[in-house]
Amino acid sequence: MWKEEFPKLENDDIRGMSQGKPGQSSGNRTLSWIWKACGIASDAPEGETVLNESLRIEWCKSRARAMRWVEEVQLLQEEMRRVAAYLLWHATWWDAQADRRAGLALAEVEGIRGYAKRQAAVRRDLHDTFLTKWGAVNGTF
């Protein structure tokens, strides 16, 4: 029956094949039902061919977007891993700086040591905070 094949035409349904509903991003754009209905291209045989080709192009664009998103997630996960590793390395570096100075007065040595230990502690705190906030996202730190 035609009522099942052609639902009520709403204002949001009247849009081009490559346009989404108002407010939709290209990542979650939905194709209007008018482009998926059988026989809508034209009565000529080449009309369905043109429509099918347009649908294939839209599918390829959607697939390319999805693949870019997968790559972006992989890049972000690698960046998170590197930041965590860097923070640990930097904390260790500051620990090593605590005892590098020789020949200074006791007060200066204590000041330098305290500063270096504090910087190391700050980096470890940043590392722990980072893992707490982002560990659930990646889960592989």
N, C-alpha and C. Protein backbone atom coordinates (compact mmCIF):
# COMPACT_ATOMS: atom_id res chain seq x y z
N MET A 1 0.84 -1.18 0.00
CA MET A 1 0.00 0.00 0.00
C MET A 1 0.89 1.24 0.00
N TRP A 2 0.47 2.29 -0.67
CA TRP A 2 1.30 3.48 -0.85
C TRP A 2 1.55 4.22 0.45
N LYS A 3 0.65 4.13 1.44
CA LYS A 3 0.83 4.84 2.71
C LYS A 3 2.01 4.27 3.50
N GLU A 4 2.28 2.99 3.32
CA GLU A 4 3.42 2.38 4.00
C GLU A 4 4.73 2.72 3.30
N GLU A 5 4.69 2.78 1.97
CA GLU A 5 5.91 3.05 1.22
C GLU A 5 6.27 4.54 1.27
N PHE A 6 5.28 5.39 1.34
CA PHE A 6 5.50 6.84 1.36
C PHE A 6 4.91 7.43 2.64
N PRO A 7 5.70 7.56 3.69
CA PRO A 7 5.17 8.16 4.91
C PRO A 7 4.84 9.64 4.71
N LYS A 8 4.26 10.23 5.73
CA LYS A 8 3.88 11.65 5.66
C LYS A 8 5.14 12.49 5.42
N LEU A 9 5.05 13.40 4.47
CA LEU A 9 6.18 14.26 4.12
C LEU A 9 6.24 15.44 5.08
N GLU A 10 7.30 15.47 5.87
CA GLU A 10 7.52 16.56 6.83
C GLU A 10 8.50 17.56 6.22
N ASN A 11 8.54 18.77 6.78
CA ASN A 11 9.48 19.79 6.29
C ASN A 11 10.93 19.32 6.38
N ASP A 12 11.27 18.57 7.43
CA ASP A 12 12.64 18.07 7.60
C ASP A 12 13.03 17.05 6.53
N ASP A 13 12.03 16.44 5.89
CA ASP A 13 12.31 15.43 4.86
C ASP A 13 12.72 16.05 3.53
N ILE A 14 12.39 17.32 3.34
CA ILE A 14 12.64 17.97 2.06
C ILE A 14 14.04 18.60 2.11
N ARG A 15 15.01 17.81 1.66
CA ARG A 15 16.40 18.26 1.65
C ARG A 15 17.18 17.41 0.66
N GLY A 16 18.32 17.93 0.26
CA GLY A 16 19.17 17.23 -0.68
C GLY A 16 19.75 15.96 -0.07
N MET A 17 20.27 15.10 -0.93
CA MET A 17 20.81 13.83 -0.48
C MET A 17 21.99 14.02 0.46
N SER A 18 22.80 15.04 0.24
CA SER A 18 24.00 15.23 1.07
C SER A 18 23.75 16.19 2.23
N GLN A 19 22.51 16.55 2.48
CA GLN A 19 22.19 17.44 3.60
C GLN A 19 21.51 16.64 4.71
N GLY A 20 21.87 16.96 5.95
CA GLY A 20 21.21 16.33 7.08
C GLY A 20 20.07 17.19 7.57
N LYS A 21 19.42 16.74 8.63
CA LYS A 21 18.39 17.54 9.26
C LYS A 21 19.04 18.76 9.89
N PRO A 22 18.29 19.83 10.09
CA PRO A 22 18.88 21.02 10.72
C PRO A 22 19.49 20.66 12.09
N GLY A 23 20.72 21.09 12.29
CA GLY A 23 21.41 20.81 13.55
C GLY A 23 22.22 19.53 13.56
N GLN A 24 22.10 18.70 12.55
CA GLN A 24 22.87 17.45 12.49
C GLN A 24 24.26 17.74 11.93
N SER A 25 25.24 17.09 12.52
CA SER A 25 26.59 17.20 11.97
C SER A 25 26.74 16.17 10.86
N SER A 26 27.83 16.29 10.11
CA SER A 26 28.02 15.36 9.00
C SER A 26 28.24 13.93 9.49
N GLY A 27 28.63 13.79 10.76
CA GLY A 27 28.90 12.46 11.29
C GLY A 27 27.66 11.67 11.65
N ASN A 28 26.57 12.35 11.97
CA ASN A 28 25.37 11.58 12.31
C ASN A 28 24.19 12.01 11.44
N ARG A 29 24.50 12.40 10.23
CA ARG A 29 23.49 12.82 9.27
C ARG A 29 22.68 11.60 8.83
N THR A 30 21.38 11.79 8.71
CA THR A 30 20.52 10.70 8.24
C THR A 30 19.94 11.08 6.88
N LEU A 31 19.83 10.11 6.04
CA LEU A 31 19.30 10.30 4.70
C LEU A 31 17.77 10.33 4.79
N SER A 32 17.17 11.30 4.14
CA SER A 32 15.71 11.41 4.13
C SER A 32 15.09 10.19 3.46
N TRP A 33 13.91 9.83 3.92
CA TRP A 33 13.24 8.66 3.35
C TRP A 33 12.94 8.84 1.88
N ILE A 34 12.83 10.08 1.42
CA ILE A 34 12.49 10.28 0.01
C ILE A 34 13.59 9.78 -0.92
N TRP A 35 14.83 9.71 -0.42
CA TRP A 35 15.92 9.21 -1.25
C TRP A 35 16.03 7.69 -1.21
N LYS A 36 15.32 7.07 -0.27
CA LYS A 36 15.39 5.61 -0.15
C LYS A 36 14.16 4.92 -0.71
N ALA A 37 13.15 5.69 -1.06
CA ALA A 37 11.92 5.10 -1.58
C ALA A 37 12.16 4.55 -2.99
N CYS A 38 11.55 3.44 -3.27
CA CYS A 38 11.73 2.78 -4.56
C CYS A 38 11.02 3.58 -5.66
N GLY A 39 11.72 3.77 -6.78
CA GLY A 39 11.11 4.41 -7.94
C GLY A 39 11.02 5.91 -7.88
N ILE A 40 11.76 6.56 -7.01
CA ILE A 40 11.61 8.01 -6.88
C ILE A 40 12.46 8.78 -7.88
N ALA A 41 13.45 8.14 -8.48
CA ALA A 41 14.37 8.86 -9.36
C ALA A 41 13.65 9.40 -10.59
N SER A 42 13.10 8.56 -11.35
CA SER A 42 12.31 8.94 -12.53
C SER A 42 11.74 7.66 -13.13
N ASP A 43 10.90 7.83 -14.10
CA ASP A 43 10.34 6.66 -14.76
C ASP A 43 11.33 6.04 -15.74
N ALA A 44 12.32 6.82 -16.14
CA ALA A 44 13.31 6.32 -17.11
C ALA A 44 14.25 5.32 -16.41
N PRO A 45 14.72 4.30 -17.14
CA PRO A 45 15.61 3.30 -16.53
C PRO A 45 16.89 3.91 -15.97
N GLU A 46 17.42 4.95 -16.62
CA GLU A 46 18.66 5.53 -16.14
C GLU A 46 18.46 6.33 -14.84
N GLY A 47 17.22 6.65 -14.51
CA GLY A 47 16.95 7.38 -13.26
C GLY A 47 17.36 6.59 -12.03
N GLU A 48 17.01 5.31 -11.99
CA GLU A 48 17.40 4.44 -10.87
C GLU A 48 18.91 4.28 -10.82
N THR A 49 19.55 4.20 -12.00
CA THR A 49 21.01 4.07 -12.05
C THR A 49 21.67 5.30 -11.45
N VAL A 50 21.18 6.47 -11.80
CA VAL A 50 21.73 7.72 -11.26
C VAL A 50 21.52 7.77 -9.75
N LEU A 51 20.35 7.39 -9.30
CA LEU A 51 20.07 7.39 -7.87
C LEU A 51 20.98 6.40 -7.14
N ASN A 52 21.12 5.21 -7.69
CA ASN A 52 22.00 4.21 -7.06
C ASN A 52 23.43 4.70 -7.00
N GLU A 53 23.89 5.34 -8.05
CA GLU A 53 25.26 5.88 -8.05
C GLU A 53 25.40 6.97 -6.98
N SER A 54 24.40 7.81 -6.84
CA SER A 54 24.43 8.85 -5.80
C SER A 54 24.46 8.24 -4.41
N LEU A 55 23.69 7.19 -4.22
CA LEU A 55 23.69 6.50 -2.93
C LEU A 55 25.05 5.86 -2.65
N ARG A 56 25.67 5.28 -3.67
CA ARG A 56 27.01 4.70 -3.50
C ARG A 56 28.02 5.78 -3.10
N ILE A 57 27.92 6.94 -3.73
CA ILE A 57 28.83 8.05 -3.40
C ILE A 57 28.63 8.48 -1.95
N GLU A 58 27.39 8.62 -1.53
CA GLU A 58 27.11 9.00 -0.14
C GLU A 58 27.63 7.94 0.82
N TRP A 59 27.47 6.66 0.46
CA TRP A 59 27.98 5.58 1.31
C TRP A 59 29.50 5.68 1.42
N CYS A 60 30.18 5.94 0.31
CA CYS A 60 31.65 6.07 0.33
C CYS A 60 32.09 7.25 1.19
N LYS A 61 31.38 8.35 1.10
CA LYS A 61 31.71 9.52 1.94
C LYS A 61 31.52 9.18 3.42
N SER A 62 30.44 8.50 3.73
CA SER A 62 30.19 8.11 5.13
C SER A 62 31.25 7.16 5.64
N ARG A 63 31.63 6.22 4.81
CA ARG A 63 32.68 5.26 5.20
C ARG A 63 34.01 5.97 5.42
N ALA A 64 34.34 6.91 4.55
CA ALA A 64 35.59 7.66 4.70
C ALA A 64 35.58 8.46 6.00
N ARG A 65 34.45 9.07 6.34
CA ARG A 65 34.34 9.81 7.61
C ARG A 65 34.53 8.87 8.80
N ALA A 66 33.90 7.70 8.73
CA ALA A 66 34.03 6.74 9.83
C ALA A 66 35.47 6.28 9.98
N MET A 67 36.15 6.05 8.88
CA MET A 67 37.55 5.62 8.94
C MET A 67 38.44 6.73 9.51
N ARG A 68 38.14 7.98 9.17
CA ARG A 68 38.91 9.10 9.74
C ARG A 68 38.68 9.18 11.24
N TRP A 69 37.47 8.92 11.69
CA TRP A 69 37.19 8.95 13.13
C TRP A 69 37.97 7.86 13.85
N VAL A 70 38.02 6.68 13.26
CA VAL A 70 38.79 5.59 13.87
C VAL A 70 40.25 5.99 13.98
N GLU A 71 40.78 6.59 12.93
CA GLU A 71 42.18 7.04 12.96
C GLU A 71 42.38 8.12 14.02
N GLU A 72 41.43 9.03 14.14
CA GLU A 72 41.54 10.10 15.14
C GLU A 72 41.54 9.53 16.55
N VAL A 73 40.71 8.54 16.80
CA VAL A 73 40.69 7.89 18.12
C VAL A 73 42.03 7.22 18.40
N GLN A 74 42.58 6.56 17.41
CA GLN A 74 43.90 5.92 17.59
C GLN A 74 44.97 6.96 17.88
N LEU A 75 44.94 8.08 17.17
CA LEU A 75 45.93 9.14 17.41
C LEU A 75 45.78 9.72 18.82
N LEU A 76 44.55 9.93 19.25
CA LEU A 76 44.32 10.47 20.60
C LEU A 76 44.78 9.49 21.68
N GLN A 77 44.53 8.22 21.47
CA GLN A 77 44.98 7.23 22.45
C GLN A 77 46.51 7.19 22.53
N GLU A 78 47.16 7.29 21.39
CA GLU A 78 48.63 7.31 21.39
C GLU A 78 49.15 8.59 22.07
N GLU A 79 48.47 9.69 21.81
CA GLU A 79 48.88 10.94 22.45
C GLU A 79 48.71 10.86 23.97
N MET A 80 47.62 10.26 24.42
CA MET A 80 47.42 10.10 25.86
C MET A 80 48.50 9.21 26.46
N ARG A 81 48.86 8.13 25.77
CA ARG A 81 49.91 7.25 26.26
C ARG A 81 51.24 7.99 26.36
N ARG A 82 51.54 8.79 25.35
CA ARG A 82 52.80 9.52 25.35
C ARG A 82 52.85 10.58 26.43
N VAL A 83 51.75 11.25 26.67
CA VAL A 83 51.73 12.26 27.74
C VAL A 83 51.97 11.60 29.09
N ALA A 84 51.33 10.47 29.33
CA ALA A 84 51.53 9.76 30.60
C ALA A 84 52.99 9.32 30.75
N ALA A 85 53.58 8.79 29.68
CA ALA A 85 54.98 8.36 29.74
C ALA A 85 55.90 9.55 29.95
N TYR A 86 55.61 10.67 29.29
CA TYR A 86 56.44 11.86 29.45
C TYR A 86 56.40 12.39 30.88
N LEU A 87 55.22 12.41 31.47
CA LEU A 87 55.11 12.91 32.85
C LEU A 87 55.93 12.06 33.82
N LEU A 88 55.91 10.75 33.64
CA LEU A 88 56.75 9.89 34.49
C LEU A 88 58.24 10.12 34.24
N TRP A 89 58.61 10.26 32.97
CA TRP A 89 60.01 10.53 32.66
C TRP A 89 60.46 11.87 33.27
N HIS A 90 59.61 12.88 33.15
CA HIS A 90 59.96 14.20 33.67
C HIS A 90 60.08 14.18 35.19
N ALA A 91 59.24 13.43 35.87
CA ALA A 91 59.35 13.29 37.32
C ALA A 91 60.68 12.64 37.70
N THR A 92 61.06 11.61 36.98
CA THR A 92 62.35 10.95 37.23
C THR A 92 63.51 11.91 36.95
N TRP A 93 63.39 12.70 35.90
CA TRP A 93 64.42 13.68 35.57
C TRP A 93 64.59 14.69 36.70
N TRP A 94 63.45 15.18 37.23
CA TRP A 94 63.54 16.14 38.35
C TRP A 94 64.15 15.48 39.58
N ASP A 95 63.84 14.21 39.83
CA ASP A 95 64.48 13.51 40.95
C ASP A 95 66.00 13.48 40.78
N ALA A 96 66.46 13.26 39.56
CA ALA A 96 67.90 13.23 39.30
C ALA A 96 68.54 14.61 39.49
N GLN A 97 67.77 15.66 39.25
CA GLN A 97 68.31 17.02 39.38
C GLN A 97 68.55 17.38 40.84
N ALA A 98 67.90 16.70 41.77
CA ALA A 98 68.01 17.04 43.19
C ALA A 98 69.44 16.92 43.71
N ASP A 99 70.22 16.03 43.18
CA ASP A 99 71.57 15.78 43.70
C ASP A 99 72.67 16.09 42.69
N ARG A 100 72.39 16.86 41.68
CA ARG A 100 73.39 17.14 40.65
C ARG A 100 74.36 18.24 41.04
N ARG A 101 73.96 19.14 41.92
CA ARG A 101 74.82 20.26 42.28
C ARG A 101 75.76 19.86 43.42
N ALA A 102 77.00 20.20 43.25
CA ALA A 102 77.98 19.92 44.30
C ALA A 102 78.74 21.21 44.61
N GLY A 103 79.30 21.29 45.80
CA GLY A 103 80.11 22.44 46.18
C GLY A 103 79.31 23.66 46.57
N LEU A 104 78.07 23.48 46.93
CA LEU A 104 77.24 24.62 47.35
C LEU A 104 77.06 24.59 48.85
N ALA A 105 76.62 25.70 49.39
CA ALA A 105 76.32 25.76 50.82
C ALA A 105 75.14 24.84 51.12
N LEU A 106 75.07 24.37 52.35
CA LEU A 106 74.04 23.42 52.77
C LEU A 106 72.64 23.98 52.51
N ALA A 107 72.43 25.26 52.79
CA ALA A 107 71.10 25.86 52.58
C ALA A 107 70.73 25.86 51.10
N GLU A 108 71.70 26.13 50.24
CA GLU A 108 71.43 26.12 48.80
C GLU A 108 71.13 24.71 48.31
N VAL A 109 71.90 23.75 48.79
CA VAL A 109 71.67 22.35 48.40
C VAL A 109 70.28 21.91 48.84
N GLU A 110 69.88 22.27 50.06
CA GLU A 110 68.54 21.90 50.54
C GLU A 110 67.46 22.58 49.71
N GLY A 111 67.67 23.83 49.34
CA GLY A 111 66.69 24.55 48.52
C GLY A 111 66.54 23.93 47.15
N ILE A 112 67.68 23.63 46.53
CA ILE A 112 67.65 23.00 45.20
C ILE A 112 67.01 21.63 45.27
N ARG A 113 67.36 20.86 46.29
CA ARG A 113 66.79 19.52 46.46
C ARG A 113 65.27 19.61 46.68
N GLY A 114 64.86 20.53 47.54
CA GLY A 114 63.42 20.69 47.80
C GLY A 114 62.65 21.10 46.55
N TYR A 115 63.24 22.03 45.77
CA TYR A 115 62.60 22.47 44.54
C TYR A 115 62.46 21.31 43.55
N ALA A 116 63.54 20.56 43.38
CA ALA A 116 63.53 19.44 42.43
C ALA A 116 62.53 18.37 42.86
N LYS A 117 62.50 18.06 44.15
CA LYS A 117 61.55 17.04 44.64
C LYS A 117 60.11 17.52 44.47
N ARG A 118 59.89 18.81 44.68
CA ARG A 118 58.55 19.37 44.51
C ARG A 118 58.12 19.26 43.05
N GLN A 119 59.02 19.60 42.13
CA GLN A 119 58.71 19.50 40.69
C GLN A 119 58.42 18.06 40.30
N ALA A 120 59.17 17.11 40.84
CA ALA A 120 58.93 15.69 40.57
C ALA A 120 57.55 15.29 41.09
N ALA A 121 57.21 15.77 42.29
CA ALA A 121 55.90 15.43 42.86
C ALA A 121 54.76 16.02 42.03
N VAL A 122 54.96 17.25 41.52
CA VAL A 122 53.94 17.87 40.67
C VAL A 122 53.72 17.02 39.42
N ARG A 123 54.81 16.55 38.79
CA ARG A 123 54.69 15.74 37.58
C ARG A 123 53.99 14.41 37.88
N ARG A 124 54.29 13.81 39.02
CA ARG A 124 53.62 12.55 39.38
C ARG A 124 52.13 12.79 39.66
N ASP A 125 51.81 13.89 40.31
CA ASP A 125 50.40 14.23 40.54
C ASP A 125 49.67 14.44 39.22
N LEU A 126 50.31 15.14 38.28
CA LEU A 126 49.71 15.33 36.96
C LEU A 126 49.50 13.98 36.28
N HIS A 127 50.48 13.11 36.39
CA HIS A 127 50.37 11.77 35.80
C HIS A 127 49.19 11.01 36.39
N ASP A 128 49.08 11.03 37.73
CA ASP A 128 47.98 10.31 38.39
C ASP A 128 46.63 10.90 38.02
N THR A 129 46.55 12.23 37.96
CA THR A 129 45.29 12.88 37.57
C THR A 129 44.94 12.52 36.14
N PHE A 130 45.93 12.53 35.28
CA PHE A 130 45.73 12.17 33.89
C PHE A 130 45.16 10.75 33.78
N LEU A 131 45.77 9.82 34.49
CA LEU A 131 45.28 8.44 34.41
C LEU A 131 43.87 8.30 34.96
N THR A 132 43.58 9.04 36.03
CA THR A 132 42.24 8.98 36.61
C THR A 132 41.19 9.50 35.63
N LYS A 133 41.50 10.63 34.99
CA LYS A 133 40.52 11.24 34.08
C LYS A 133 40.40 10.51 32.75
N TRP A 134 41.50 9.99 32.23
CA TRP A 134 41.49 9.41 30.90
C TRP A 134 41.65 7.91 30.88
N GLY A 135 41.90 7.28 32.01
CA GLY A 135 42.07 5.83 32.04
C GLY A 135 40.86 5.07 31.56
N ALA A 136 39.67 5.59 31.87
CA ALA A 136 38.45 4.91 31.44
C ALA A 136 38.26 5.01 29.92
N VAL A 137 38.81 6.06 29.32
CA VAL A 137 38.66 6.24 27.87
C VAL A 137 39.51 5.22 27.13
N ASN A 138 40.75 5.08 27.57
CA ASN A 138 41.67 4.20 26.85
C ASN A 138 41.72 2.82 27.52
N GLY A 139 41.93 2.80 28.82
CA GLY A 139 41.97 1.54 29.55
C GLY A 139 43.24 0.73 29.36
N THR A 140 44.23 1.27 28.63
CA THR A 140 45.44 0.50 28.36
C THR A 140 46.70 1.21 28.83
N PHE A 141 46.59 2.14 29.75
CA PHE A 141 47.78 2.87 30.20
C PHE A 141 48.66 2.01 31.04
